Amino acid sequence: MARAIEIFERLRMHQTAERAGVLLYLAVGDRKVAVIGDTGIHQRVGQGYWDELVARVIEHLREGRPREGLVGAVAALGAALSTHFPRRRDDRNELSDRVSLEDGGG
């Protein structure tokens, strides 16, 4: 979890106007999954939402279906974000949509 928080901060995901940044973190070598949501989205969905999302991803990984787990998680996150932060005419993308791939050393 500490590494996920470090990456969340390094990517400046906590610096959006509505504090709605979300990081889906997979440490493949360590076999760890974390979802970090900034305060704006966390206040709306609560800890149970994150726990359930991580549990679903882990279930798919254990079943040998990583693509379904990740696509499902991204879709669920998109739905939650669009529900709680509907797009406005003046919206701009504050964060990159690029997937960040790193080795364990950062």
PDB file of N, CA and C in Angstrom:
ATOM      1  N   MET A   1       0.817  -1.187   0.000  1.00  0.00           N
ATOM      2  CA  MET A   1       0.000   0.000   0.000  1.00  0.00           C
ATOM      3  C   MET A   1       0.865   1.257   0.000  1.00  0.00           C
ATOM      4  N   ALA A   2       1.988   1.210   0.697  1.00  0.00           N
ATOM      5  CA  ALA A   2       2.866   2.380   0.755  1.00  0.00           C
ATOM      6  C   ALA A   2       3.376   2.734  -0.640  1.00  0.00           C
ATOM      7  N   ARG A   3       3.726   1.721  -1.419  1.00  0.00           N
ATOM      8  CA  ARG A   3       4.212   1.970  -2.786  1.00  0.00           C
ATOM      9  C   ARG A   3       3.095   2.571  -3.646  1.00  0.00           C
ATOM     10  N   ALA A   4       1.887   2.085  -3.509  1.00  0.00           N
ATOM     11  CA  ALA A   4       0.755   2.625  -4.274  1.00  0.00           C
ATOM     12  C   ALA A   4       0.534   4.098  -3.922  1.00  0.00           C
ATOM     13  N   ILE A   5       0.608   4.430  -2.642  1.00  0.00           N
ATOM     14  CA  ILE A   5       0.438   5.821  -2.221  1.00  0.00           C
ATOM     15  C   ILE A   5       1.558   6.686  -2.776  1.00  0.00           C
ATOM     16  N   GLU A   6       2.778   6.167  -2.757  1.00  0.00           N
ATOM     17  CA  GLU A   6       3.925   6.892  -3.308  1.00  0.00           C
ATOM     18  C   GLU A   6       3.714   7.219  -4.789  1.00  0.00           C
ATOM     19  N   ILE A   7       3.254   6.243  -5.542  1.00  0.00           N
ATOM     20  CA  ILE A   7       3.011   6.456  -6.978  1.00  0.00           C
ATOM     21  C   ILE A   7       1.840   7.416  -7.182  1.00  0.00           C
ATOM     22  N   PHE A   8       0.786   7.264  -6.398  1.00  0.00           N
ATOM     23  CA  PHE A   8      -0.363   8.164  -6.473  1.00  0.00           C
ATOM     24  C   PHE A   8       0.096   9.614  -6.321  1.00  0.00           C
ATOM     25  N   GLU A   9       0.949   9.852  -5.347  1.00  0.00           N
ATOM     26  CA  GLU A   9       1.445  11.210  -5.104  1.00  0.00           C
ATOM     27  C   GLU A   9       2.418  11.664  -6.191  1.00  0.00           C
ATOM     28  N   ARG A  10       3.301  10.779  -6.630  1.00  0.00           N
ATOM     29  CA  ARG A  10       4.269  11.143  -7.672  1.00  0.00           C
ATOM     30  C   ARG A  10       3.568  11.505  -8.975  1.00  0.00           C
ATOM     31  N   LEU A  11       2.471  10.819  -9.273  1.00  0.00           N
ATOM     32  CA  LEU A  11       1.692  11.121 -10.477  1.00  0.00           C
ATOM     33  C   LEU A  11       0.774  12.327 -10.269  1.00  0.00           C
ATOM     34  N   ARG A  12       0.810  12.898  -9.086  1.00  0.00           N
ATOM     35  CA  ARG A  12       0.023  14.089  -8.728  1.00  0.00           C
ATOM     36  C   ARG A  12      -1.483  13.855  -8.843  1.00  0.00           C
ATOM     37  N   MET A  13      -1.887  12.653  -8.525  1.00  0.00           N
ATOM     38  CA  MET A  13      -3.295  12.308  -8.635  1.00  0.00           C
ATOM     39  C   MET A  13      -4.131  12.982  -7.550  1.00  0.00           C
ATOM     40  N   HIS A  14      -3.482  13.542  -6.558  1.00  0.00           N
ATOM     41  CA  HIS A  14      -4.162  14.247  -5.472  1.00  0.00           C
ATOM     42  C   HIS A  14      -4.294  15.740  -5.768  1.00  0.00           C
ATOM     43  N   GLN A  15      -3.932  16.152  -6.961  1.00  0.00           N
ATOM     44  CA  GLN A  15      -3.955  17.574  -7.286  1.00  0.00           C
ATOM     45  C   GLN A  15      -5.028  17.941  -8.304  1.00  0.00           C
ATOM     46  N   THR A  16      -6.109  17.185  -8.357  1.00  0.00           N
ATOM     47  CA  THR A  16      -7.214  17.552  -9.244  1.00  0.00           C
ATOM     48  C   THR A  16      -8.143  18.518  -8.501  1.00  0.00           C
ATOM     49  N   ALA A  17      -8.871  19.306  -9.239  1.00  0.00           N
ATOM     50  CA  ALA A  17      -9.736  20.328  -8.649  1.00  0.00           C
ATOM     51  C   ALA A  17     -10.756  19.734  -7.681  1.00  0.00           C
ATOM     52  N   GLU A  18     -11.322  18.579  -8.033  1.00  0.00           N
ATOM     53  CA  GLU A  18     -12.359  17.989  -7.185  1.00  0.00           C
ATOM     54  C   GLU A  18     -11.847  16.834  -6.337  1.00  0.00           C
ATOM     55  N   ARG A  19     -10.530  16.644  -6.346  1.00  0.00           N
ATOM     56  CA  ARG A  19      -9.882  15.583  -5.556  1.00  0.00           C
ATOM     57  C   ARG A  19     -10.505  14.221  -5.875  1.00  0.00           C
ATOM     58  N   ALA A  20     -10.605  13.931  -7.190  1.00  0.00           N
ATOM     59  CA  ALA A  20     -11.275  12.709  -7.638  1.00  0.00           C
ATOM     60  C   ALA A  20     -10.326  11.737  -8.331  1.00  0.00           C
ATOM     61  N   GLY A  21      -9.019  11.907  -8.144  1.00  0.00           N
ATOM     62  CA  GLY A  21      -8.063  10.992  -8.767  1.00  0.00           C
ATOM     63  C   GLY A  21      -8.160   9.599  -8.175  1.00  0.00           C
ATOM     64  N   VAL A  22      -7.976   8.585  -9.038  1.00  0.00           N
ATOM     65  CA  VAL A  22      -8.012   7.189  -8.597  1.00  0.00           C
ATOM     66  C   VAL A  22      -6.852   6.442  -9.259  1.00  0.00           C
ATOM     67  N   LEU A  23      -6.143   5.661  -8.464  1.00  0.00           N
ATOM     68  CA  LEU A  23      -5.055   4.819  -8.957  1.00  0.00           C
ATOM     69  C   LEU A  23      -5.426   3.365  -8.745  1.00  0.00           C
ATOM     70  N   LEU A  24      -5.389   2.587  -9.818  1.00  0.00           N
ATOM     71  CA  LEU A  24      -5.535   1.134  -9.743  1.00  0.00           C
ATOM     72  C   LEU A  24      -4.124   0.582  -9.853  1.00  0.00           C
ATOM     73  N   TYR A  25      -3.616   0.002  -8.777  1.00  0.00           N
ATOM     74  CA  TYR A  25      -2.211  -0.399  -8.666  1.00  0.00           C
ATOM     75  C   TYR A  25      -2.098  -1.916  -8.587  1.00  0.00           C
ATOM     76  N   LEU A  26      -1.259  -2.474  -9.463  1.00  0.00           N
ATOM     77  CA  LEU A  26      -0.966  -3.903  -9.416  1.00  0.00           C
ATOM     78  C   LEU A  26       0.533  -4.093  -9.305  1.00  0.00           C
ATOM     79  N   ALA A  27       0.956  -4.800  -8.274  1.00  0.00           N
ATOM     80  CA  ALA A  27       2.352  -5.184  -8.113  1.00  0.00           C
ATOM     81  C   ALA A  27       2.415  -6.665  -8.489  1.00  0.00           C
ATOM     82  N   VAL A  28       2.714  -6.920  -9.744  1.00  0.00           N
ATOM     83  CA  VAL A  28       2.636  -8.282 -10.267  1.00  0.00           C
ATOM     84  C   VAL A  28       3.586  -9.216  -9.526  1.00  0.00           C
ATOM     85  N   GLY A  29       4.836  -8.796  -9.357  1.00  0.00           N
ATOM     86  CA  GLY A  29       5.815  -9.641  -8.675  1.00  0.00           C
ATOM     87  C   GLY A  29       5.443  -9.949  -7.244  1.00  0.00           C
ATOM     88  N   ASP A  30       4.880  -8.980  -6.566  1.00  0.00           N
ATOM     89  CA  ASP A  30       4.491  -9.148  -5.162  1.00  0.00           C
ATOM     90  C   ASP A  30       3.080  -9.698  -5.001  1.00  0.00           C
ATOM     91  N   ARG A  31       2.368  -9.783  -6.128  1.00  0.00           N
ATOM     92  CA  ARG A  31       0.996 -10.277  -6.122  1.00  0.00           C
ATOM     93  C   ARG A  31       0.098  -9.445  -5.205  1.00  0.00           C
ATOM     94  N   LYS A  32       0.149  -8.130  -5.401  1.00  0.00           N
ATOM     95  CA  LYS A  32      -0.630  -7.197  -4.598  1.00  0.00           C
ATOM     96  C   LYS A  32      -1.485  -6.318  -5.498  1.00  0.00           C
ATOM     97  N   VAL A  33      -2.646  -5.938  -5.005  1.00  0.00           N
ATOM     98  CA  VAL A  33      -3.563  -5.044  -5.706  1.00  0.00           C
ATOM     99  C   VAL A  33      -4.005  -3.977  -4.706  1.00  0.00           C
ATOM    100  N   ALA A  34      -4.036  -2.739  -5.168  1.00  0.00           N
ATOM    101  CA  ALA A  34      -4.546  -1.653  -4.335  1.00  0.00           C
ATOM    102  C   ALA A  34      -5.301  -0.676  -5.222  1.00  0.00           C
ATOM    103  N   VAL A  35      -6.296  -0.043  -4.664  1.00  0.00           N
ATOM    104  CA  VAL A  35      -6.994   1.046  -5.336  1.00  0.00           C
ATOM    105  C   VAL A  35      -6.955   2.223  -4.368  1.00  0.00           C
ATOM    106  N   ILE A  36      -6.384   3.325  -4.844  1.00  0.00           N
ATOM    107  CA  ILE A  36      -6.267   4.527  -4.027  1.00  0.00           C
ATOM    108  C   ILE A  36      -7.175   5.588  -4.636  1.00  0.00           C
ATOM    109  N   GLY A  37      -8.088   6.098  -3.861  1.00  0.00           N
ATOM    110  CA  GLY A  37      -8.962   7.173  -4.310  1.00  0.00           C
ATOM    111  C   GLY A  37      -8.735   8.411  -3.464  1.00  0.00           C
ATOM    112  N   ASP A  38      -8.635   9.553  -4.115  1.00  0.00           N
ATOM    113  CA  ASP A  38      -8.440  10.801  -3.392  1.00  0.00           C
ATOM    114  C   ASP A  38      -9.676  11.121  -2.548  1.00  0.00           C
ATOM    115  N   THR A  39      -9.557  12.138  -1.733  1.00  0.00           N
ATOM    116  CA  THR A  39     -10.591  12.436  -0.735  1.00  0.00           C
ATOM    117  C   THR A  39     -11.961  12.744  -1.333  1.00  0.00           C
ATOM    118  N   GLY A  40     -11.999  13.407  -2.487  1.00  0.00           N
ATOM    119  CA  GLY A  40     -13.286  13.758  -3.089  1.00  0.00           C
ATOM    120  C   GLY A  40     -14.120  12.543  -3.447  1.00  0.00           C
ATOM    121  N   ILE A  41     -13.513  11.573  -4.106  1.00  0.00           N
ATOM    122  CA  ILE A  41     -14.253  10.360  -4.483  1.00  0.00           C
ATOM    123  C   ILE A  41     -14.419   9.432  -3.282  1.00  0.00           C
ATOM    124  N   HIS A  42     -13.416   9.368  -2.420  1.00  0.00           N
ATOM    125  CA  HIS A  42     -13.507   8.484  -1.253  1.00  0.00           C
ATOM    126  C   HIS A  42     -14.679   8.883  -0.352  1.00  0.00           C
ATOM    127  N   GLN A  43     -14.889  10.173  -0.167  1.00  0.00           N
ATOM    128  CA  GLN A  43     -16.000  10.637   0.666  1.00  0.00           C
ATOM    129  C   GLN A  43     -17.343  10.223   0.085  1.00  0.00           C
ATOM    130  N   ARG A  44     -17.407  10.035  -1.209  1.00  0.00           N
ATOM    131  CA  ARG A  44     -18.680   9.685  -1.846  1.00  0.00           C
ATOM    132  C   ARG A  44     -18.929   8.180  -1.909  1.00  0.00           C
ATOM    133  N   VAL A  45     -17.863   7.382  -2.091  1.00  0.00           N
ATOM    134  CA  VAL A  45     -18.083   5.941  -2.250  1.00  0.00           C
ATOM    135  C   VAL A  45     -17.783   5.140  -0.991  1.00  0.00           C
ATOM    136  N   GLY A  46     -16.886   5.612  -0.126  1.00  0.00           N
ATOM    137  CA  GLY A  46     -16.564   4.932   1.124  1.00  0.00           C
ATOM    138  C   GLY A  46     -15.600   3.763   0.956  1.00  0.00           C
ATOM    139  N   GLN A  47     -15.044   3.342   2.061  1.00  0.00           N
ATOM    140  CA  GLN A  47     -14.033   2.287   2.072  1.00  0.00           C
ATOM    141  C   GLN A  47     -14.567   0.957   1.552  1.00  0.00           C
ATOM    142  N   GLY A  48     -15.809   0.668   1.825  1.00  0.00           N
ATOM    143  CA  GLY A  48     -16.395  -0.590   1.355  1.00  0.00           C
ATOM    144  C   GLY A  48     -16.345  -0.732  -0.154  1.00  0.00           C
ATOM    145  N   TYR A  49     -16.520   0.370  -0.855  1.00  0.00           N
ATOM    146  CA  TYR A  49     -16.455   0.343  -2.324  1.00  0.00           C
ATOM    147  C   TYR A  49     -15.073  -0.103  -2.789  1.00  0.00           C
ATOM    148  N   TRP A  50     -14.029   0.496  -2.207  1.00  0.00           N
ATOM    149  CA  TRP A  50     -12.656   0.132  -2.598  1.00  0.00           C
ATOM    150  C   TRP A  50     -12.371  -1.332  -2.258  1.00  0.00           C
ATOM    151  N   ASP A  51     -12.777  -1.754  -1.074  1.00  0.00           N
ATOM    152  CA  ASP A  51     -12.532  -3.142  -0.650  1.00  0.00           C
ATOM    153  C   ASP A  51     -13.196  -4.130  -1.602  1.00  0.00           C
ATOM    154  N   GLU A  52     -14.436  -3.853  -1.986  1.00  0.00           N
ATOM    155  CA  GLU A  52     -15.169  -4.732  -2.908  1.00  0.00           C
ATOM    156  C   GLU A  52     -14.519  -4.752  -4.283  1.00  0.00           C
ATOM    157  N   LEU A  53     -14.083  -3.599  -4.747  1.00  0.00           N
ATOM    158  CA  LEU A  53     -13.431  -3.517  -6.060  1.00  0.00           C
ATOM    159  C   LEU A  53     -12.144  -4.341  -6.075  1.00  0.00           C
ATOM    160  N   VAL A  54     -11.335  -4.195  -5.050  1.00  0.00           N
ATOM    161  CA  VAL A  54     -10.092  -4.966  -4.953  1.00  0.00           C
ATOM    162  C   VAL A  54     -10.406  -6.457  -4.878  1.00  0.00           C
ATOM    163  N   ALA A  55     -11.402  -6.837  -4.109  1.00  0.00           N
ATOM    164  CA  ALA A  55     -11.780  -8.255  -3.983  1.00  0.00           C
ATOM    165  C   ALA A  55     -12.185  -8.833  -5.336  1.00  0.00           C
ATOM    166  N   ARG A  56     -12.917  -8.063  -6.145  1.00  0.00           N
ATOM    167  CA  ARG A  56     -13.328  -8.548  -7.472  1.00  0.00           C
ATOM    168  C   ARG A  56     -12.119  -8.712  -8.390  1.00  0.00           C
ATOM    169  N   VAL A  57     -11.195  -7.770  -8.346  1.00  0.00           N
ATOM    170  CA  VAL A  57      -9.987  -7.885  -9.178  1.00  0.00           C
ATOM    171  C   VAL A  57      -9.200  -9.118  -8.765  1.00  0.00           C
ATOM    172  N   ILE A  58      -9.006  -9.303  -7.469  1.00  0.00           N
ATOM    173  CA  ILE A  58      -8.254 -10.458  -6.971  1.00  0.00           C
ATOM    174  C   ILE A  58      -8.939 -11.755  -7.378  1.00  0.00           C
ATOM    175  N   GLU A  59     -10.249 -11.806  -7.296  1.00  0.00           N
ATOM    176  CA  GLU A  59     -10.991 -13.008  -7.701  1.00  0.00           C
ATOM    177  C   GLU A  59     -10.713 -13.345  -9.172  1.00  0.00           C
ATOM    178  N   HIS A  60     -10.773 -12.339 -10.029  1.00  0.00           N
ATOM    179  CA  HIS A  60     -10.487 -12.570 -11.451  1.00  0.00           C
ATOM    180  C   HIS A  60      -9.041 -13.013 -11.659  1.00  0.00           C
ATOM    181  N   LEU A  61      -8.114 -12.426 -10.932  1.00  0.00           N
ATOM    182  CA  LEU A  61      -6.715 -12.822 -11.065  1.00  0.00           C
ATOM    183  C   LEU A  61      -6.519 -14.275 -10.647  1.00  0.00           C
ATOM    184  N   ARG A  62      -7.134 -14.659  -9.553  1.00  0.00           N
ATOM    185  CA  ARG A  62      -7.023 -16.045  -9.074  1.00  0.00           C
ATOM    186  C   ARG A  62      -7.644 -17.033 -10.057  1.00  0.00           C
ATOM    187  N   GLU A  63      -8.659 -16.596 -10.781  1.00  0.00           N
ATOM    188  CA  GLU A  63      -9.313 -17.456 -11.767  1.00  0.00           C
ATOM    189  C   GLU A  63      -8.572 -17.466 -13.103  1.00  0.00           C
ATOM    190  N   GLY A  64      -7.462 -16.732 -13.175  1.00  0.00           N
ATOM    191  CA  GLY A  64      -6.703 -16.674 -14.417  1.00  0.00           C
ATOM    192  C   GLY A  64      -7.337 -15.787 -15.472  1.00  0.00           C
ATOM    193  N   ARG A  65      -8.136 -14.826 -15.037  1.00  0.00           N
ATOM    194  CA  ARG A  65      -8.813 -13.912 -15.956  1.00  0.00           C
ATOM    195  C   ARG A  65      -8.443 -12.450 -15.644  1.00  0.00           C
ATOM    196  N   PRO A  66      -7.151 -12.128 -15.763  1.00  0.00           N
ATOM    197  CA  PRO A  66      -6.728 -10.768 -15.386  1.00  0.00           C
ATOM    198  C   PRO A  66      -7.356  -9.677 -16.240  1.00  0.00           C
ATOM    199  N   ARG A  67      -7.495  -9.927 -17.540  1.00  0.00           N
ATOM    200  CA  ARG A  67      -8.078  -8.894 -18.406  1.00  0.00           C
ATOM    201  C   ARG A  67      -9.484  -8.535 -17.955  1.00  0.00           C
ATOM    202  N   GLU A  68     -10.312  -9.536 -17.679  1.00  0.00           N
ATOM    203  CA  GLU A  68     -11.674  -9.273 -17.238  1.00  0.00           C
ATOM    204  C   GLU A  68     -11.687  -8.502 -15.925  1.00  0.00           C
ATOM    205  N   GLY A  69     -10.779  -8.848 -15.026  1.00  0.00           N
ATOM    206  CA  GLY A  69     -10.704  -8.156 -13.744  1.00  0.00           C
ATOM    207  C   GLY A  69     -10.328  -6.697 -13.888  1.00  0.00           C
ATOM    208  N   LEU A  70      -9.338  -6.430 -14.723  1.00  0.00           N
ATOM    209  CA  LEU A  70      -8.887  -5.048 -14.894  1.00  0.00           C
ATOM    210  C   LEU A  70      -9.888  -4.219 -15.685  1.00  0.00           C
ATOM    211  N   VAL A  71     -10.416  -4.793 -16.757  1.00  0.00           N
ATOM    212  CA  VAL A  71     -11.421  -4.061 -17.544  1.00  0.00           C
ATOM    213  C   VAL A  71     -12.654  -3.784 -16.683  1.00  0.00           C
ATOM    214  N   GLY A  72     -13.064  -4.760 -15.900  1.00  0.00           N
ATOM    215  CA  GLY A  72     -14.205  -4.566 -15.017  1.00  0.00           C
ATOM    216  C   GLY A  72     -13.950  -3.492 -13.971  1.00  0.00           C
ATOM    217  N   ALA A  73     -12.749  -3.474 -13.415  1.00  0.00           N
ATOM    218  CA  ALA A  73     -12.407  -2.466 -12.415  1.00  0.00           C
ATOM    219  C   ALA A  73     -12.400  -1.068 -13.025  1.00  0.00           C
ATOM    220  N   VAL A  74     -11.814  -0.931 -14.196  1.00  0.00           N
ATOM    221  CA  VAL A  74     -11.783   0.374 -14.859  1.00  0.00           C
ATOM    222  C   VAL A  74     -13.200   0.831 -15.192  1.00  0.00           C
ATOM    223  N   ALA A  75     -14.032  -0.081 -15.652  1.00  0.00           N
ATOM    224  CA  ALA A  75     -15.427   0.272 -15.957  1.00  0.00           C
ATOM    225  C   ALA A  75     -16.172   0.693 -14.688  1.00  0.00           C
ATOM    226  N   ALA A  76     -15.974  -0.031 -13.599  1.00  0.00           N
ATOM    227  CA  ALA A  76     -16.637   0.308 -12.342  1.00  0.00           C
ATOM    228  C   ALA A  76     -16.162   1.661 -11.823  1.00  0.00           C
ATOM    229  N   LEU A  77     -14.875   1.922 -11.931  1.00  0.00           N
ATOM    230  CA  LEU A  77     -14.339   3.214 -11.501  1.00  0.00           C
ATOM    231  C   LEU A  77     -14.905   4.341 -12.363  1.00  0.00           C
ATOM    232  N   GLY A  78     -14.961   4.116 -13.666  1.00  0.00           N
ATOM    233  CA  GLY A  78     -15.530   5.124 -14.562  1.00  0.00           C
ATOM    234  C   GLY A  78     -16.977   5.422 -14.222  1.00  0.00           C
ATOM    235  N   ALA A  79     -17.743   4.379 -13.917  1.00  0.00           N
ATOM    236  CA  ALA A  79     -19.155   4.570 -13.564  1.00  0.00           C
ATOM    237  C   ALA A  79     -19.296   5.359 -12.260  1.00  0.00           C
ATOM    238  N   ALA A  80     -18.478   5.018 -11.268  1.00  0.00           N
ATOM    239  CA  ALA A  80     -18.541   5.739  -9.990  1.00  0.00           C
ATOM    240  C   ALA A  80     -18.154   7.202 -10.175  1.00  0.00           C
ATOM    241  N   LEU A  81     -17.090   7.432 -10.932  1.00  0.00           N
ATOM    242  CA  LEU A  81     -16.651   8.811 -11.149  1.00  0.00           C
ATOM    243  C   LEU A  81     -17.688   9.612 -11.930  1.00  0.00           C
ATOM    244  N   SER A  82     -18.282   9.009 -12.949  1.00  0.00           N
ATOM    245  CA  SER A  82     -19.272   9.760 -13.728  1.00  0.00           C
ATOM    246  C   SER A  82     -20.558  10.002 -12.931  1.00  0.00           C
ATOM    247  N   THR A  83     -20.875   9.110 -12.003  1.00  0.00           N
ATOM    248  CA  THR A  83     -22.041   9.312 -11.140  1.00  0.00           C
ATOM    249  C   THR A  83     -21.816  10.477 -10.182  1.00  0.00           C
ATOM    250  N   HIS A  84     -20.648  10.494  -9.552  1.00  0.00           N
ATOM    251  CA  HIS A  84     -20.379  11.486  -8.519  1.00  0.00           C
ATOM    252  C   HIS A  84     -19.767  12.783  -9.045  1.00  0.00           C
ATOM    253  N   PHE A  85     -19.191  12.711 -10.230  1.00  0.00           N
ATOM    254  CA  PHE A  85     -18.566  13.889 -10.847  1.00  0.00           C
ATOM    255  C   PHE A  85     -18.966  13.956 -12.314  1.00  0.00           C
ATOM    256  N   PRO A  86     -20.243  14.225 -12.597  1.00  0.00           N
ATOM    257  CA  PRO A  86     -20.696  14.251 -13.995  1.00  0.00           C
ATOM    258  C   PRO A  86     -19.902  15.272 -14.802  1.00  0.00           C
ATOM    259  N   ARG A  87     -19.702  14.930 -16.066  1.00  0.00           N
ATOM    260  CA  ARG A  87     -18.947  15.813 -16.962  1.00  0.00           C
ATOM    261  C   ARG A  87     -19.682  17.133 -17.130  1.00  0.00           C
ATOM    262  N   ARG A  88     -18.899  18.197 -17.071  1.00  0.00           N
ATOM    263  CA  ARG A  88     -19.429  19.542 -17.300  1.00  0.00           C
ATOM    264  C   ARG A  88     -18.847  20.078 -18.607  1.00  0.00           C
ATOM    265  N   ARG A  89     -19.479  21.075 -19.162  1.00  0.00           N
ATOM    266  CA  ARG A  89     -19.008  21.663 -20.421  1.00  0.00           C
ATOM    267  C   ARG A  89     -17.581  22.172 -20.324  1.00  0.00           C
ATOM    268  N   ASP A  90     -17.197  22.709 -19.177  1.00  0.00           N
ATOM    269  CA  ASP A  90     -15.873  23.307 -19.021  1.00  0.00           C
ATOM    270  C   ASP A  90     -14.831  22.325 -18.481  1.00  0.00           C
ATOM    271  N   ASP A  91     -15.179  21.044 -18.382  1.00  0.00           N
ATOM    272  CA  ASP A  91     -14.222  20.049 -17.880  1.00  0.00           C
ATOM    273  C   ASP A  91     -13.013  19.944 -18.795  1.00  0.00           C
ATOM    274  N   ARG A  92     -11.898  19.671 -18.172  1.00  0.00           N
ATOM    275  CA  ARG A  92     -10.683  19.347 -18.919  1.00  0.00           C
ATOM    276  C   ARG A  92     -10.033  18.173 -18.209  1.00  0.00           C
ATOM    277  N   ASN A  93      -9.311  17.399 -18.956  1.00  0.00           N
ATOM    278  CA  ASN A  93      -8.652  16.233 -18.389  1.00  0.00           C
ATOM    279  C   ASN A  93      -7.432  16.702 -17.606  1.00  0.00           C
ATOM    280  N   GLU A  94      -7.479  16.579 -16.291  1.00  0.00           N
ATOM    281  CA  GLU A  94      -6.401  17.057 -15.441  1.00  0.00           C
ATOM    282  C   GLU A  94      -5.273  16.044 -15.276  1.00  0.00           C
ATOM    283  N   LEU A  95      -5.541  14.789 -15.569  1.00  0.00           N
ATOM    284  CA  LEU A  95      -4.545  13.728 -15.416  1.00  0.00           C
ATOM    285  C   LEU A  95      -4.368  12.984 -16.731  1.00  0.00           C
ATOM    286  N   SER A  96      -3.207  12.409 -16.903  1.00  0.00           N
ATOM    287  CA  SER A  96      -2.945  11.604 -18.085  1.00  0.00           C
ATOM    288  C   SER A  96      -3.782  10.325 -18.043  1.00  0.00           C
ATOM    289  N   ASP A  97      -4.216   9.873 -19.197  1.00  0.00           N
ATOM    290  CA  ASP A  97      -4.918   8.594 -19.298  1.00  0.00           C
ATOM    291  C   ASP A  97      -3.943   7.452 -19.588  1.00  0.00           C
ATOM    292  N   ARG A  98      -2.682   7.783 -19.655  1.00  0.00           N
ATOM    293  CA  ARG A  98      -1.644   6.814 -19.980  1.00  0.00           C
ATOM    294  C   ARG A  98      -1.474   5.810 -18.839  1.00  0.00           C
ATOM    295  N   VAL A  99      -1.286   4.560 -19.189  1.00  0.00           N
ATOM    296  CA  VAL A  99      -0.985   3.522 -18.205  1.00  0.00           C
ATOM    297  C   VAL A  99       0.471   3.691 -17.808  1.00  0.00           C
ATOM    298  N   SER A 100       0.746   3.714 -16.517  1.00  0.00           N
ATOM    299  CA  SER A 100       2.102   3.857 -16.018  1.00  0.00           C
ATOM    300  C   SER A 100       2.634   2.470 -15.668  1.00  0.00           C
ATOM    301  N   LEU A 101       3.711   2.072 -16.337  1.00  0.00           N
ATOM    302  CA  LEU A 101       4.336   0.776 -16.079  1.00  0.00           C
ATOM    303  C   LEU A 101       5.729   1.015 -15.495  1.00  0.00           C
ATOM    304  N   GLU A 102       5.997   0.366 -14.381  1.00  0.00           N
ATOM    305  CA  GLU A 102       7.289   0.535 -13.720  1.00  0.00           C
ATOM    306  C   GLU A 102       7.764  -0.806 -13.210  1.00  0.00           C
ATOM    307  N   ASP A 103       9.068  -0.893 -13.018  1.00  0.00           N
ATOM    308  CA  ASP A 103       9.581  -2.053 -12.292  1.00  0.00           C
ATOM    309  C   ASP A 103       9.500  -1.731 -10.804  1.00  0.00           C
ATOM    310  N   GLY A 104       9.831  -2.664  -9.980  1.00  0.00           N
ATOM    311  CA  GLY A 104       9.713  -2.474  -8.528  1.00  0.00           C
ATOM    312  C   GLY A 104      10.542  -1.344  -7.981  1.00  0.00           C
ATOM    313  N   GLY A 105      11.528  -0.883  -8.701  1.00  0.00           N
ATOM    314  CA  GLY A 105      12.399   0.168  -8.185  1.00  0.00           C
ATOM    315  C   GLY A 105      11.899   1.553  -8.438  1.00  0.00           C
ATOM    316  N   GLY A 106      10.812   1.725  -9.214  1.00  0.00           N
ATOM    317  CA  GLY A 106      10.252   3.053  -9.472  1.00  0.00           C
ATOM    318  C   GLY A 106      10.933   3.678 -10.577  1.00  0.00           C
TER     319      GLY A 106
END
